[in-house]
């Protein structure tokens, strides 16, 4: 079972998407960092952002 720990807001302000360097949007409900431009969602596990492209979830809202 995974517990949800709060993620440091100051840390979230510093992070950008790996590879693309796009800004990220925090989705607190899904516990993900969203790269809207690339259409990738990076999980946050136990309060730790997992910034690996192989761990990212693709979604259909990609713009380009």
C-alpha atoms as a PDB file:
ATOM      1  CA  UNK A   1       0.000   0.000   0.000  1.00  0.00           C
ATOM      2  CA  UNK A   2       1.348   3.421  -0.980  1.00  0.00           C
ATOM      3  CA  UNK A   3       0.867   6.262   1.467  1.00  0.00           C
ATOM      4  CA  UNK A   4       0.417   9.807   0.262  1.00  0.00           C
ATOM      5  CA  UNK A   5       2.950  12.258   1.662  1.00  0.00           C
ATOM      6  CA  UNK A   6       2.758  15.957   0.937  1.00  0.00           C
ATOM      7  CA  UNK A   7       5.164  17.154  -1.724  1.00  0.00           C
ATOM      8  CA  UNK A   8       7.189  20.276  -0.966  1.00  0.00           C
ATOM      9  CA  UNK A   9       5.661  23.139  -3.006  1.00  0.00           C
ATOM     10  CA  UNK A  10       9.057  24.853  -3.341  1.00  0.00           C
ATOM     11  CA  UNK A  11      10.469  21.684  -4.907  1.00  0.00           C
ATOM     12  CA  UNK A  12       7.589  21.575  -7.394  1.00  0.00           C
ATOM     13  CA  UNK A  13       8.358  25.149  -8.497  1.00  0.00           C
ATOM     14  CA  UNK A  14      11.917  24.139  -9.431  1.00  0.00           C
ATOM     15  CA  UNK A  15      11.142  20.998 -11.426  1.00  0.00           C
ATOM     16  CA  UNK A  16      10.818  20.882 -15.206  1.00  0.00           C
ATOM     17  CA  UNK A  17      10.137  17.927 -17.473  1.00  0.00           C
ATOM     18  CA  UNK A  18      13.159  15.753 -18.195  1.00  0.00           C
ATOM     19  CA  UNK A  19      14.362  15.988 -21.776  1.00  0.00           C
ATOM     20  CA  UNK A  20      12.010  18.733 -22.942  1.00  0.00           C
ATOM     21  CA  UNK A  21      12.518  21.159 -20.021  1.00  0.00           C
ATOM     22  CA  UNK A  22       8.813  22.048 -20.311  1.00  0.00           C
ATOM     23  CA  UNK A  23       7.087  23.522 -17.248  1.00  0.00           C
ATOM     24  CA  UNK A  24       5.092  21.084 -15.142  1.00  0.00           C
ATOM     25  CA  UNK A  25       1.620  21.386 -13.647  1.00  0.00           C
ATOM     26  CA  UNK A  26       0.930  19.702 -10.291  1.00  0.00           C
ATOM     27  CA  UNK A  27      -2.175  17.508 -10.088  1.00  0.00           C
ATOM     28  CA  UNK A  28      -2.640  16.935  -6.347  1.00  0.00           C
ATOM     29  CA  UNK A  29      -5.592  14.563  -6.761  1.00  0.00           C
ATOM     30  CA  UNK A  30      -3.752  12.225  -9.173  1.00  0.00           C
ATOM     31  CA  UNK A  31      -0.385  12.799  -7.455  1.00  0.00           C
ATOM     32  CA  UNK A  32       1.290  13.561 -10.787  1.00  0.00           C
ATOM     33  CA  UNK A  33       3.356  16.278 -12.407  1.00  0.00           C
ATOM     34  CA  UNK A  34       1.903  17.011 -15.833  1.00  0.00           C
ATOM     35  CA  UNK A  35       3.823  18.083 -18.945  1.00  0.00           C
ATOM     36  CA  UNK A  36       0.873  19.369 -20.986  1.00  0.00           C
ATOM     37  CA  UNK A  37       3.012  20.066 -24.061  1.00  0.00           C
ATOM     38  CA  UNK A  38       4.536  16.577 -24.337  1.00  0.00           C
ATOM     39  CA  UNK A  39       1.464  14.766 -23.031  1.00  0.00           C
ATOM     40  CA  UNK A  40       3.285  13.071 -20.151  1.00  0.00           C
ATOM     41  CA  UNK A  41       2.351  12.645 -16.499  1.00  0.00           C
ATOM     42  CA  UNK A  42       5.117  11.885 -13.999  1.00  0.00           C
ATOM     43  CA  UNK A  43       4.018  10.074 -10.825  1.00  0.00           C
ATOM     44  CA  UNK A  44       4.656  11.257  -7.305  1.00  0.00           C
ATOM     45  CA  UNK A  45       5.217   8.345  -4.920  1.00  0.00           C
ATOM     46  CA  UNK A  46       5.429   8.881  -1.171  1.00  0.00           C
ATOM     47  CA  UNK A  47       5.955  12.605  -1.783  1.00  0.00           C
ATOM     48  CA  UNK A  48       8.833  12.015  -4.214  1.00  0.00           C
ATOM     49  CA  UNK A  49       8.452  13.043  -7.884  1.00  0.00           C
ATOM     50  CA  UNK A  50       9.591  10.221 -10.180  1.00  0.00           C
ATOM     51  CA  UNK A  51      11.169  12.187 -13.020  1.00  0.00           C
ATOM     52  CA  UNK A  52      11.997   9.280 -15.321  1.00  0.00           C
ATOM     53  CA  UNK A  53      10.550   9.242 -18.829  1.00  0.00           C
ATOM     54  CA  UNK A  54      10.177   5.450 -18.597  1.00  0.00           C
ATOM     55  CA  UNK A  55       7.922   5.918 -15.546  1.00  0.00           C
ATOM     56  CA  UNK A  56       5.750   8.627 -17.137  1.00  0.00           C
ATOM     57  CA  UNK A  57       2.203   7.968 -18.268  1.00  0.00           C
ATOM     58  CA  UNK A  58       1.201   9.186 -21.743  1.00  0.00           C
ATOM     59  CA  UNK A  59      -2.127  10.904 -22.165  1.00  0.00           C
ATOM     60  CA  UNK A  60      -4.057  12.011 -25.235  1.00  0.00           C
ATOM     61  CA  UNK A  61      -4.126  15.754 -24.526  1.00  0.00           C
ATOM     62  CA  UNK A  62      -0.684  16.282 -26.109  1.00  0.00           C
ATOM     63  CA  UNK A  63      -0.444  19.395 -28.277  1.00  0.00           C
ATOM     64  CA  UNK A  64       1.772  18.475 -31.135  1.00  0.00           C
END
